[in-house]
């Protein structure tokens, strides 16, 4: 188990942080977990999370991977972008409140310009989801967030 708080690894805040902890990471992969809380920004009326939130959970796992790498190198955690997903499949329509989910992301491609591809799997009791995420972490993220001068 990694002792770094998830909030220090993600460029997210408050209720938008869905992960509970990083179990492990190495040069090419990360494993995280969470317990589905019954109340939050994305929950349905019954407290469950819709299956499409699995993409955000996987994306946060990839962001935590980048955060772990940054922290290990003594660098600040920076913003990255989820560009899209391919082949998202899930065997359930929602993740019930209280379910413990475990997420594994494996980097299959990353170039020097900040583009990356991760194969992700999310598992829980009777739950399996998978997707390939395309992500981008620009070298100078601040330049992407500035509005152009008039």
C-alpha atoms as a PDB file:
ATOM      1  CA  UNK A   1       0.000   0.000   0.000  1.00  0.00           C
ATOM      2  CA  UNK A   2       1.275   3.457  -0.914  1.00  0.00           C
ATOM      3  CA  UNK A   3       1.144   5.933   1.991  1.00  0.00           C
ATOM      4  CA  UNK A   4       0.743   9.037  -0.167  1.00  0.00           C
ATOM      5  CA  UNK A   5      -2.745  10.570   0.196  1.00  0.00           C
ATOM      6  CA  UNK A   6      -4.712  10.336  -3.045  1.00  0.00           C
ATOM      7  CA  UNK A   7      -5.583  14.048  -2.806  1.00  0.00           C
ATOM      8  CA  UNK A   8      -1.870  14.796  -3.164  1.00  0.00           C
ATOM      9  CA  UNK A   9      -1.598  12.705  -6.339  1.00  0.00           C
ATOM     10  CA  UNK A  10      -4.559  14.054  -8.300  1.00  0.00           C
ATOM     11  CA  UNK A  11      -5.314  17.492  -9.682  1.00  0.00           C
ATOM     12  CA  UNK A  12      -8.864  17.054  -8.307  1.00  0.00           C
ATOM     13  CA  UNK A  13     -10.444  18.309  -5.094  1.00  0.00           C
ATOM     14  CA  UNK A  14     -13.234  17.503  -2.655  1.00  0.00           C
ATOM     15  CA  UNK A  15     -16.055  15.231  -3.741  1.00  0.00           C
ATOM     16  CA  UNK A  16     -14.597  14.851  -7.215  1.00  0.00           C
ATOM     17  CA  UNK A  17     -11.886  12.567  -5.818  1.00  0.00           C
ATOM     18  CA  UNK A  18     -13.374   9.103  -6.213  1.00  0.00           C
ATOM     19  CA  UNK A  19     -10.345   6.936  -5.352  1.00  0.00           C
ATOM     20  CA  UNK A  20      -9.569   5.910  -1.774  1.00  0.00           C
ATOM     21  CA  UNK A  21      -5.975   4.715  -2.105  1.00  0.00           C
ATOM     22  CA  UNK A  22      -3.155   3.547  -4.346  1.00  0.00           C
ATOM     23  CA  UNK A  23      -2.310  -0.086  -3.638  1.00  0.00           C
ATOM     24  CA  UNK A  24       0.799  -0.265  -5.812  1.00  0.00           C
ATOM     25  CA  UNK A  25       2.518   1.258  -8.794  1.00  0.00           C
ATOM     26  CA  UNK A  26       5.622   0.635 -10.876  1.00  0.00           C
ATOM     27  CA  UNK A  27       7.167   2.045 -14.041  1.00  0.00           C
ATOM     28  CA  UNK A  28       4.239   0.993 -16.245  1.00  0.00           C
ATOM     29  CA  UNK A  29       1.213   0.241 -14.082  1.00  0.00           C
ATOM     30  CA  UNK A  30      -0.853   1.191 -11.064  1.00  0.00           C
ATOM     31  CA  UNK A  31      -3.521  -0.450  -8.927  1.00  0.00           C
ATOM     32  CA  UNK A  32      -6.007   1.620  -6.918  1.00  0.00           C
ATOM     33  CA  UNK A  33      -9.186   0.938  -4.995  1.00  0.00           C
ATOM     34  CA  UNK A  34     -12.288   2.641  -3.675  1.00  0.00           C
ATOM     35  CA  UNK A  35     -15.461   1.872  -1.815  1.00  0.00           C
ATOM     36  CA  UNK A  36     -18.519   3.349  -3.540  1.00  0.00           C
ATOM     37  CA  UNK A  37     -19.881   6.037  -1.253  1.00  0.00           C
ATOM     38  CA  UNK A  38     -23.657   6.355  -1.091  1.00  0.00           C
ATOM     39  CA  UNK A  39     -23.672  10.125  -1.623  1.00  0.00           C
ATOM     40  CA  UNK A  40     -21.645  12.194  -4.023  1.00  0.00           C
ATOM     41  CA  UNK A  41     -21.728  14.364  -7.080  1.00  0.00           C
ATOM     42  CA  UNK A  42     -22.239  11.470  -9.494  1.00  0.00           C
ATOM     43  CA  UNK A  43     -24.438   9.094  -7.468  1.00  0.00           C
ATOM     44  CA  UNK A  44     -27.903   7.991  -8.516  1.00  0.00           C
ATOM     45  CA  UNK A  45     -30.899   8.330  -6.173  1.00  0.00           C
ATOM     46  CA  UNK A  46     -30.298   4.826  -4.721  1.00  0.00           C
ATOM     47  CA  UNK A  47     -26.677   5.714  -3.863  1.00  0.00           C
ATOM     48  CA  UNK A  48     -25.110   3.673  -6.659  1.00  0.00           C
ATOM     49  CA  UNK A  49     -22.805   5.028  -9.343  1.00  0.00           C
ATOM     50  CA  UNK A  50     -23.796   4.647 -12.992  1.00  0.00           C
ATOM     51  CA  UNK A  51     -21.442   2.368 -14.914  1.00  0.00           C
ATOM     52  CA  UNK A  52     -20.224   5.232 -17.116  1.00  0.00           C
ATOM     53  CA  UNK A  53     -18.515   6.686 -14.017  1.00  0.00           C
ATOM     54  CA  UNK A  54     -16.137   3.756 -14.436  1.00  0.00           C
ATOM     55  CA  UNK A  55     -14.407   5.791 -17.137  1.00  0.00           C
ATOM     56  CA  UNK A  56     -13.794   8.639 -14.656  1.00  0.00           C
ATOM     57  CA  UNK A  57     -12.576   6.153 -12.036  1.00  0.00           C
ATOM     58  CA  UNK A  58     -10.150   4.687 -14.577  1.00  0.00           C
ATOM     59  CA  UNK A  59      -9.043   8.193 -15.606  1.00  0.00           C
ATOM     60  CA  UNK A  60      -8.370   9.090 -11.963  1.00  0.00           C
ATOM     61  CA  UNK A  61      -6.302   5.924 -11.663  1.00  0.00           C
ATOM     62  CA  UNK A  62      -4.224   7.030 -14.660  1.00  0.00           C
ATOM     63  CA  UNK A  63      -3.918  10.512 -13.106  1.00  0.00           C
ATOM     64  CA  UNK A  64      -2.757   8.905  -9.850  1.00  0.00           C
ATOM     65  CA  UNK A  65      -0.137   7.016 -11.879  1.00  0.00           C
ATOM     66  CA  UNK A  66       1.186  10.339 -13.219  1.00  0.00           C
ATOM     67  CA  UNK A  67       0.991  11.794  -9.693  1.00  0.00           C
ATOM     68  CA  UNK A  68       3.020   8.912  -8.259  1.00  0.00           C
ATOM     69  CA  UNK A  69       5.642   9.344 -10.958  1.00  0.00           C
ATOM     70  CA  UNK A  70       5.810  13.110 -10.323  1.00  0.00           C
ATOM     71  CA  UNK A  71       6.040  12.666  -6.574  1.00  0.00           C
ATOM     72  CA  UNK A  72       8.732  10.024  -6.913  1.00  0.00           C
ATOM     73  CA  UNK A  73      10.740  12.425  -9.115  1.00  0.00           C
ATOM     74  CA  UNK A  74      10.223  15.338  -6.703  1.00  0.00           C
ATOM     75  CA  UNK A  75       8.077  17.234  -9.219  1.00  0.00           C
ATOM     76  CA  UNK A  76       4.647  18.837  -8.797  1.00  0.00           C
ATOM     77  CA  UNK A  77       1.469  17.010  -9.791  1.00  0.00           C
ATOM     78  CA  UNK A  78       0.187  18.505 -13.033  1.00  0.00           C
ATOM     79  CA  UNK A  79      -3.064  18.520 -14.914  1.00  0.00           C
ATOM     80  CA  UNK A  80      -3.639  16.001 -17.679  1.00  0.00           C
ATOM     81  CA  UNK A  81      -6.484  15.458 -20.116  1.00  0.00           C
ATOM     82  CA  UNK A  82      -8.632  12.450 -20.915  1.00  0.00           C
ATOM     83  CA  UNK A  83      -8.903  12.601 -24.692  1.00  0.00           C
ATOM     84  CA  UNK A  84     -11.180   9.641 -25.103  1.00  0.00           C
ATOM     85  CA  UNK A  85     -11.820   6.000 -24.545  1.00  0.00           C
ATOM     86  CA  UNK A  86     -12.123   3.002 -26.779  1.00  0.00           C
ATOM     87  CA  UNK A  87     -13.813  -0.301 -26.119  1.00  0.00           C
ATOM     88  CA  UNK A  88     -15.461   0.578 -22.802  1.00  0.00           C
ATOM     89  CA  UNK A  89     -17.329  -2.510 -21.666  1.00  0.00           C
ATOM     90  CA  UNK A  90     -19.079  -3.115 -18.361  1.00  0.00           C
ATOM     91  CA  UNK A  91     -21.147  -6.091 -17.271  1.00  0.00           C
ATOM     92  CA  UNK A  92     -23.409  -4.052 -14.943  1.00  0.00           C
ATOM     93  CA  UNK A  93     -25.430  -0.852 -15.277  1.00  0.00           C
ATOM     94  CA  UNK A  94     -24.330   0.578 -11.933  1.00  0.00           C
ATOM     95  CA  UNK A  95     -21.888   0.090  -9.075  1.00  0.00           C
ATOM     96  CA  UNK A  96     -23.887  -0.423  -5.844  1.00  0.00           C
ATOM     97  CA  UNK A  97     -23.173   1.768  -2.820  1.00  0.00           C
ATOM     98  CA  UNK A  98     -20.704   0.051  -0.524  1.00  0.00           C
ATOM     99  CA  UNK A  99     -19.072  -1.987  -3.316  1.00  0.00           C
ATOM    100  CA  UNK A 100     -15.300  -2.223  -3.141  1.00  0.00           C
ATOM    101  CA  UNK A 101     -13.789  -1.632  -6.570  1.00  0.00           C
ATOM    102  CA  UNK A 102     -10.213  -2.374  -7.583  1.00  0.00           C
ATOM    103  CA  UNK A 103      -8.748  -0.686 -10.659  1.00  0.00           C
ATOM    104  CA  UNK A 104      -5.636  -1.649 -12.585  1.00  0.00           C
ATOM    105  CA  UNK A 105      -4.151   0.503 -15.359  1.00  0.00           C
ATOM    106  CA  UNK A 106      -1.275  -0.600 -17.579  1.00  0.00           C
ATOM    107  CA  UNK A 107       0.539   1.894 -19.796  1.00  0.00           C
ATOM    108  CA  UNK A 108       0.764   0.443 -23.283  1.00  0.00           C
ATOM    109  CA  UNK A 109       2.081   3.547 -25.038  1.00  0.00           C
ATOM    110  CA  UNK A 110       3.546   6.918 -24.120  1.00  0.00           C
ATOM    111  CA  UNK A 111       5.439   9.333 -26.317  1.00  0.00           C
ATOM    112  CA  UNK A 112       7.718  12.247 -25.552  1.00  0.00           C
ATOM    113  CA  UNK A 113       4.963  14.765 -26.376  1.00  0.00           C
ATOM    114  CA  UNK A 114       2.756  13.649 -23.483  1.00  0.00           C
ATOM    115  CA  UNK A 115       0.353  11.323 -25.324  1.00  0.00           C
ATOM    116  CA  UNK A 116      -0.390   8.026 -23.608  1.00  0.00           C
ATOM    117  CA  UNK A 117      -2.603   4.959 -23.863  1.00  0.00           C
ATOM    118  CA  UNK A 118      -3.610   2.859 -20.852  1.00  0.00           C
ATOM    119  CA  UNK A 119      -5.389  -0.491 -20.699  1.00  0.00           C
ATOM    120  CA  UNK A 120      -7.700  -0.330 -17.672  1.00  0.00           C
ATOM    121  CA  UNK A 121      -9.678  -2.927 -15.731  1.00  0.00           C
ATOM    122  CA  UNK A 122     -12.131  -2.284 -12.906  1.00  0.00           C
ATOM    123  CA  UNK A 123     -13.303  -5.219 -10.778  1.00  0.00           C
ATOM    124  CA  UNK A 124     -15.618  -5.669  -7.823  1.00  0.00           C
ATOM    125  CA  UNK A 125     -18.155  -8.205  -6.534  1.00  0.00           C
ATOM    126  CA  UNK A 126     -19.816  -9.427  -9.729  1.00  0.00           C
ATOM    127  CA  UNK A 127     -18.463  -6.359 -11.548  1.00  0.00           C
ATOM    128  CA  UNK A 128     -16.014  -6.137 -14.418  1.00  0.00           C
ATOM    129  CA  UNK A 129     -15.346  -3.143 -16.656  1.00  0.00           C
ATOM    130  CA  UNK A 130     -12.542  -2.467 -19.066  1.00  0.00           C
ATOM    131  CA  UNK A 131     -11.468   0.279 -21.430  1.00  0.00           C
ATOM    132  CA  UNK A 132      -8.531   1.727 -23.274  1.00  0.00           C
ATOM    133  CA  UNK A 133      -7.966   5.363 -22.279  1.00  0.00           C
ATOM    134  CA  UNK A 134      -6.191   7.919 -24.443  1.00  0.00           C
ATOM    135  CA  UNK A 135      -4.635  10.647 -22.330  1.00  0.00           C
ATOM    136  CA  UNK A 136      -2.518  13.743 -22.832  1.00  0.00           C
ATOM    137  CA  UNK A 137      -0.294  15.613 -20.421  1.00  0.00           C
ATOM    138  CA  UNK A 138       1.140  18.640 -22.203  1.00  0.00           C
ATOM    139  CA  UNK A 139       4.690  19.685 -21.367  1.00  0.00           C
ATOM    140  CA  UNK A 140       3.533  23.189 -20.363  1.00  0.00           C
ATOM    141  CA  UNK A 141      -0.015  22.779 -19.097  1.00  0.00           C
ATOM    142  CA  UNK A 142      -0.369  26.439 -18.054  1.00  0.00           C
ATOM    143  CA  UNK A 143      -0.229  27.519 -21.703  1.00  0.00           C
ATOM    144  CA  UNK A 144      -3.305  25.378 -22.427  1.00  0.00           C
ATOM    145  CA  UNK A 145      -5.310  27.001 -19.650  1.00  0.00           C
ATOM    146  CA  UNK A 146      -4.586  30.634 -20.480  1.00  0.00           C
ATOM    147  CA  UNK A 147      -7.175  32.582 -22.400  1.00  0.00           C
ATOM    148  CA  UNK A 148      -5.837  34.355 -25.448  1.00  0.00           C
ATOM    149  CA  UNK A 149      -5.344  38.088 -25.206  1.00  0.00           C
ATOM    150  CA  UNK A 150      -7.954  40.136 -27.089  1.00  0.00           C
END
